[in-house]
């Protein structure tokens, strides 16, 4: 078993196609095919199941991939720490719920490690995708929130995947509104105040249970509900439809402008926002810098 074989497995898992993986890796398709076949023979099980238009991971292959990512990442950390090379390309990935402070921290990371070459990834995703990314080491860190309602269920899922949650801060729930919204002048807002207006949330796909929501108001019956997939669309609808969403209250006017404001929501609830990572992970220098930027951005 070699690092090269593990890198081949990772590339094929990400593309779902051996030919495409070979193209990205700048090697021949037979080289990737033969290398993976030799690896499967060595370990005694199939990593991939062949299909007519590509490959998918087997159940055993999915477990193997998590360890492969871990080994390759640790090797890259060793190289980054002890080998100086002008050709090195820094790599880092983070998956997060839709928080502007997470984007700000990513911007600061880029400024800190600005170079001629780098390969950094920021994924704003559904909650289950964040957990899967960190579990399978597609991302070094994830950013999610816990509440009294979802903490028990989410923590069980994290434990089952050998993930740990580290709290960044605790926030009171806030309503995000357009600055010209009829409720914009109120010091604080009640649930009754919100009833006439559309409630905007992030759609969670087939995992659309309450426990995976980014907003804890889904446990309360809202008359008007709109689900979206990205933050720009949500903010546009907040402006265009006099809608609202509920979040931590931490908002970046540099990224989102002055049209979106946050008002306290009169509700006995707390949001615990933090990071998730594999419990045996040693953060890379990029992960450490990103964590520091997160903590600084939410003080």
Protein backbone atom coordinates (compact mmCIF):
# COMPACT_ATOMS: atom_id res chain seq x y z
CA UNK A 1 0.00 0.00 0.00
CA UNK A 2 1.45 3.35 -1.05
CA UNK A 3 0.55 7.01 -0.70
CA UNK A 4 0.15 7.14 -4.47
CA UNK A 5 -2.48 4.40 -4.34
CA UNK A 6 -4.33 6.24 -1.60
CA UNK A 7 -4.28 9.46 -3.62
CA UNK A 8 -5.70 7.54 -6.58
CA UNK A 9 -8.53 6.22 -4.40
CA UNK A 10 -9.32 9.72 -3.14
CA UNK A 11 -9.35 11.19 -6.65
CA UNK A 12 -11.59 8.44 -8.02
CA UNK A 13 -14.01 8.79 -5.08
CA UNK A 14 -14.29 12.54 -5.70
CA UNK A 15 -14.87 12.26 -9.47
CA UNK A 16 -16.79 8.99 -9.54
CA UNK A 17 -14.88 8.16 -12.71
CA UNK A 18 -11.46 6.56 -13.18
CA UNK A 19 -10.82 8.28 -16.51
CA UNK A 20 -11.59 11.71 -15.06
CA UNK A 21 -9.43 11.00 -12.00
CA UNK A 22 -6.54 10.01 -14.27
CA UNK A 23 -6.95 13.25 -16.23
CA UNK A 24 -6.83 15.34 -13.04
CA UNK A 25 -3.82 13.41 -11.75
CA UNK A 26 -1.99 13.65 -15.12
CA UNK A 27 -1.51 9.88 -15.35
CA UNK A 28 -2.88 7.25 -17.68
CA UNK A 29 -6.22 5.60 -17.02
CA UNK A 30 -4.64 2.08 -16.96
CA UNK A 31 -2.19 3.26 -14.29
CA UNK A 32 -5.03 4.26 -11.98
CA UNK A 33 -7.07 1.14 -12.77
CA UNK A 34 -4.18 -1.25 -12.20
CA UNK A 35 -3.03 0.54 -9.07
CA UNK A 36 -6.45 0.36 -7.46
CA UNK A 37 -6.90 -3.26 -8.55
CA UNK A 38 -3.57 -4.15 -6.91
CA UNK A 39 -4.61 -2.32 -3.74
CA UNK A 40 -7.97 -4.10 -3.60
CA UNK A 41 -6.18 -7.43 -4.01
CA UNK A 42 -3.80 -6.53 -1.18
CA UNK A 43 -6.51 -5.52 1.30
CA UNK A 44 -8.93 -8.27 0.31
CA UNK A 45 -12.06 -6.32 -0.61
CA UNK A 46 -13.41 -4.03 -3.34
CA UNK A 47 -13.13 -0.31 -2.67
CA UNK A 48 -15.31 0.57 -5.65
CA UNK A 49 -18.30 -0.99 -7.36
CA UNK A 50 -18.09 -0.60 -11.10
CA UNK A 51 -21.11 0.85 -12.94
CA UNK A 52 -21.82 1.52 -16.60
CA UNK A 53 -20.95 5.22 -16.26
CA UNK A 54 -18.35 5.22 -13.50
CA UNK A 55 -17.78 3.81 -10.04
CA UNK A 56 -19.21 4.20 -6.55
CA UNK A 57 -17.73 3.35 -3.18
CA UNK A 58 -18.69 0.10 -1.53
CA UNK A 59 -19.59 0.18 2.15
CA UNK A 60 -16.12 -1.11 3.04
CA UNK A 61 -14.63 1.31 0.54
CA UNK A 62 -16.30 4.25 2.24
CA UNK A 63 -14.68 3.27 5.55
CA UNK A 64 -11.35 2.78 3.79
CA UNK A 65 -11.62 6.22 2.20
CA UNK A 66 -11.89 7.92 5.59
CA UNK A 67 -8.60 6.35 6.69
CA UNK A 68 -6.97 7.02 3.32
CA UNK A 69 -7.77 10.72 3.61
CA UNK A 70 -6.38 10.77 7.12
CA UNK A 71 -3.09 9.12 6.08
CA UNK A 72 -2.63 11.39 3.05
CA UNK A 73 -3.44 14.49 5.08
CA UNK A 74 -0.94 13.53 7.79
CA UNK A 75 1.69 12.91 5.10
CA UNK A 76 1.03 16.33 3.62
CA UNK A 77 1.32 17.92 7.06
CA UNK A 78 4.71 16.22 7.48
CA UNK A 79 5.83 17.47 4.09
CA UNK A 80 4.53 20.96 4.82
CA UNK A 81 6.29 21.04 8.20
CA UNK A 82 9.66 19.52 7.35
CA UNK A 83 10.17 19.88 3.61
CA UNK A 84 10.72 23.30 2.08
CA UNK A 85 9.76 23.49 -1.56
CA UNK A 86 8.92 26.40 -3.79
CA UNK A 87 6.53 24.09 -5.63
CA UNK A 88 4.40 23.26 -2.61
CA UNK A 89 0.73 24.09 -3.01
CA UNK A 90 -1.05 24.67 0.34
CA UNK A 91 -4.33 22.75 0.64
CA UNK A 92 -7.17 23.28 3.11
CA UNK A 93 -10.93 22.71 3.10
CA UNK A 94 -13.71 23.69 5.49
CA UNK A 95 -17.44 22.91 5.35
CA UNK A 96 -19.93 25.15 7.12
CA UNK A 97 -23.50 26.16 7.57
CA UNK A 98 -24.40 29.53 6.08
CA UNK A 99 -22.54 31.92 8.39
CA UNK A 100 -20.90 35.11 7.19
CA UNK A 101 -18.35 34.96 10.04
CA UNK A 102 -17.16 31.61 8.64
CA UNK A 103 -16.63 33.29 5.26
CA UNK A 104 -14.80 36.20 6.91
CA UNK A 105 -12.47 33.76 8.66
CA UNK A 106 -11.78 32.09 5.31
CA UNK A 107 -10.93 35.47 3.78
CA UNK A 108 -8.49 36.12 6.63
CA UNK A 109 -6.93 32.69 6.09
CA UNK A 110 -6.32 33.51 2.43
CA UNK A 111 -4.77 36.87 3.36
CA UNK A 112 -2.50 35.18 5.91
CA UNK A 113 -1.25 32.52 3.51
CA UNK A 114 -1.48 34.50 0.30
CA UNK A 115 0.87 32.92 -2.21
CA UNK A 116 1.30 32.34 -5.92
CA UNK A 117 -0.23 28.87 -5.60
CA UNK A 118 -2.79 27.41 -3.21
CA UNK A 119 -5.80 25.11 -3.24
CA UNK A 120 -8.33 26.14 -0.56
CA UNK A 121 -11.99 25.12 -0.46
CA UNK A 122 -14.95 26.67 1.37
CA UNK A 123 -18.18 24.66 1.22
CA UNK A 124 -21.46 26.17 2.43
CA UNK A 125 -23.58 23.03 2.62
CA UNK A 126 -26.42 21.11 4.13
CA UNK A 127 -25.77 19.87 7.65
CA UNK A 128 -25.48 16.18 6.77
CA UNK A 129 -22.96 17.06 4.04
CA UNK A 130 -20.81 18.93 6.56
CA UNK A 131 -20.74 15.91 8.86
CA UNK A 132 -19.94 13.58 5.94
CA UNK A 133 -17.16 15.89 4.68
CA UNK A 134 -15.39 15.96 8.03
CA UNK A 135 -15.97 12.25 8.66
CA UNK A 136 -14.43 11.36 5.30
CA UNK A 137 -11.77 14.06 5.61
CA UNK A 138 -12.87 16.00 2.55
CA UNK A 139 -12.79 18.93 4.96
CA UNK A 140 -10.51 19.43 7.93
CA UNK A 141 -13.16 21.36 9.87
CA UNK A 142 -16.91 21.89 9.89
CA UNK A 143 -18.96 24.74 11.40
CA UNK A 144 -22.44 23.94 12.78
CA UNK A 145 -24.76 24.95 15.62
CA UNK A 146 -26.34 23.03 18.50
CA UNK A 147 -29.47 23.90 20.44
CA UNK A 148 -31.40 22.29 23.26
CA UNK A 149 -33.65 20.70 20.66
CA UNK A 150 -31.05 19.15 18.35
CA UNK A 151 -28.01 18.66 20.59
CA UNK A 152 -28.78 15.13 21.74
CA UNK A 153 -29.42 13.81 18.22
CA UNK A 154 -26.52 15.63 16.56
CA UNK A 155 -24.04 14.65 19.29
CA UNK A 156 -24.99 10.98 18.83
CA UNK A 157 -24.30 11.31 15.11
CA UNK A 158 -20.97 13.03 15.79
CA UNK A 159 -19.95 10.35 18.28
CA UNK A 160 -20.85 7.57 15.85
CA UNK A 161 -18.54 9.18 13.29
CA UNK A 162 -15.66 9.82 15.74
CA UNK A 163 -16.20 13.57 15.55
CA UNK A 164 -15.96 16.13 18.34
CA UNK A 165 -17.67 19.49 18.75
CA UNK A 166 -15.74 22.50 20.06
CA UNK A 167 -17.86 25.49 21.00
CA UNK A 168 -16.87 28.88 19.61
CA UNK A 169 -19.58 31.00 21.22
CA UNK A 170 -23.13 30.95 22.55
CA UNK A 171 -25.62 33.30 20.92
CA UNK A 172 -29.13 34.49 21.57
CA UNK A 173 -31.36 33.98 18.51
CA UNK A 174 -31.74 36.98 16.24
CA UNK A 175 -34.06 37.78 13.35
CA UNK A 176 -32.43 38.83 10.08
CA UNK A 177 -34.54 41.43 8.27
CA UNK A 178 -34.29 43.95 5.47
CA UNK A 179 -33.37 47.38 6.84
CA UNK A 180 -36.69 48.75 5.44
CA UNK A 181 -38.80 45.93 6.88
CA UNK A 182 -41.92 47.01 8.85
CA UNK A 183 -40.35 45.47 11.98
CA UNK A 184 -36.94 47.08 11.50
CA UNK A 185 -37.51 49.83 14.05
CA UNK A 186 -38.44 47.49 16.90
CA UNK A 187 -35.84 46.94 19.62
CA UNK A 188 -36.73 43.25 19.78
CA UNK A 189 -39.15 40.98 17.94
CA UNK A 190 -41.66 38.34 19.09
CA UNK A 191 -42.91 35.25 17.30
CA UNK A 192 -46.32 36.90 17.01
CA UNK A 193 -44.71 39.87 15.24
CA UNK A 194 -43.32 37.48 12.61
CA UNK A 195 -46.52 35.61 11.76
CA UNK A 196 -47.54 37.72 8.71
CA UNK A 197 -44.13 37.38 7.02
CA UNK A 198 -42.44 34.58 5.02
CA UNK A 199 -39.98 32.48 7.02
CA UNK A 200 -36.85 31.66 5.01
CA UNK A 201 -34.78 28.58 5.84
CA UNK A 202 -32.07 26.49 4.24
CA UNK A 203 -33.34 23.36 2.54
CA UNK A 204 -31.75 20.12 3.78
CA UNK A 205 -32.78 17.74 0.99
CA UNK A 206 -33.67 14.19 2.00
CA UNK A 207 -32.26 15.01 5.44
CA UNK A 208 -34.88 17.67 6.03
CA UNK A 209 -35.59 16.63 9.63
CA UNK A 210 -35.66 19.21 12.38
CA UNK A 211 -32.36 17.98 13.81
CA UNK A 212 -30.47 18.96 10.65
CA UNK A 213 -32.01 22.41 10.28
CA UNK A 214 -29.88 25.53 10.58
CA UNK A 215 -32.81 27.29 12.25
CA UNK A 216 -34.56 26.04 15.38
CA UNK A 217 -37.92 27.66 14.56
CA UNK A 218 -38.89 24.65 12.44
CA UNK A 219 -40.31 23.14 15.62
CA UNK A 220 -42.90 25.95 15.60
CA UNK A 221 -45.70 26.05 13.05
CA UNK A 222 -45.02 28.90 10.62
CA UNK A 223 -47.76 29.92 8.19
CA UNK A 224 -45.46 30.99 5.33
CA UNK A 225 -42.32 28.95 4.64
CA UNK A 226 -39.74 29.24 1.89
CA UNK A 227 -36.71 26.95 1.64
CA UNK A 228 -33.60 27.88 -0.35
CA UNK A 229 -30.14 26.42 -0.95
CA UNK A 230 -27.77 29.40 -0.81
CA UNK A 231 -27.23 32.53 1.27
CA UNK A 232 -27.42 35.03 -1.61
CA UNK A 233 -30.88 33.78 -2.61
CA UNK A 234 -32.06 33.88 0.99
CA UNK A 235 -30.93 37.49 1.44
CA UNK A 236 -32.50 38.49 -1.88
CA UNK A 237 -35.83 37.05 -0.77
CA UNK A 238 -35.54 38.75 2.61
CA UNK A 239 -35.33 42.02 0.71
CA UNK A 240 -37.84 41.29 -2.03
CA UNK A 241 -40.57 39.58 0.03
CA UNK A 242 -40.20 41.23 3.45
CA UNK A 243 -39.17 37.80 4.67
CA UNK A 244 -36.97 36.88 7.61
CA UNK A 245 -34.70 34.16 8.91
CA UNK A 246 -33.33 33.35 12.34
CA UNK A 247 -29.65 33.00 13.14
CA UNK A 248 -26.94 33.99 15.60
CA UNK A 249 -27.05 37.72 15.00
CA UNK A 250 -23.42 37.79 13.84
CA UNK A 251 -23.49 39.41 10.41
CA UNK A 252 -20.83 40.88 8.17
CA UNK A 253 -21.77 44.19 6.62
CA UNK A 254 -18.58 44.05 4.57
CA UNK A 255 -19.82 40.89 2.82
CA UNK A 256 -23.58 41.40 2.98
CA UNK A 257 -23.94 45.18 2.86
CA UNK A 258 -26.10 47.32 5.13
CA UNK A 259 -29.45 46.09 3.77
CA UNK A 260 -29.63 43.15 6.18
CA UNK A 261 -29.96 43.86 9.91
CA UNK A 262 -30.26 41.66 13.00
CA UNK A 263 -32.82 42.12 15.76
CA UNK A 264 -33.06 40.10 19.01
CA UNK A 265 -35.81 37.47 19.03
CA UNK A 266 -37.74 37.21 22.27
CA UNK A 267 -37.33 33.48 22.79
CA UNK A 268 -35.88 31.34 25.57
CA UNK A 269 -33.31 29.53 23.48
CA UNK A 270 -29.57 29.53 22.93
CA UNK A 271 -27.46 28.69 19.91
CA UNK A 272 -24.12 26.97 20.58
CA UNK A 273 -22.04 27.55 17.48
CA UNK A 274 -18.79 25.69 17.04
CA UNK A 275 -16.54 23.51 14.95
CA UNK A 276 -16.48 19.78 14.37
CA UNK A 277 -13.41 17.72 13.54
CA UNK A 278 -12.22 14.15 13.79
CA UNK A 279 -11.29 13.46 17.39
CA UNK A 280 -7.82 12.19 16.45
CA UNK A 281 -7.03 15.01 14.02
CA UNK A 282 -4.02 17.25 14.49
CA UNK A 283 -4.94 20.52 12.82
CA UNK A 284 -2.73 21.73 10.02
CA UNK A 285 -1.30 25.23 10.24
CA UNK A 286 -4.15 26.33 7.96
CA UNK A 287 -6.73 24.72 10.24
CA UNK A 288 -5.20 26.40 13.27
CA UNK A 289 -5.15 29.79 11.54
CA UNK A 290 -8.77 29.37 10.43
CA UNK A 291 -9.81 28.49 13.99
CA UNK A 292 -8.04 31.60 15.32
CA UNK A 293 -9.77 33.74 12.69
CA UNK A 294 -13.15 32.24 13.64
CA UNK A 295 -12.64 33.00 17.32
CA UNK A 296 -11.49 36.53 16.59
CA UNK A 297 -14.41 37.17 14.27
CA UNK A 298 -17.12 36.27 16.78
CA UNK A 299 -15.79 38.09 19.83
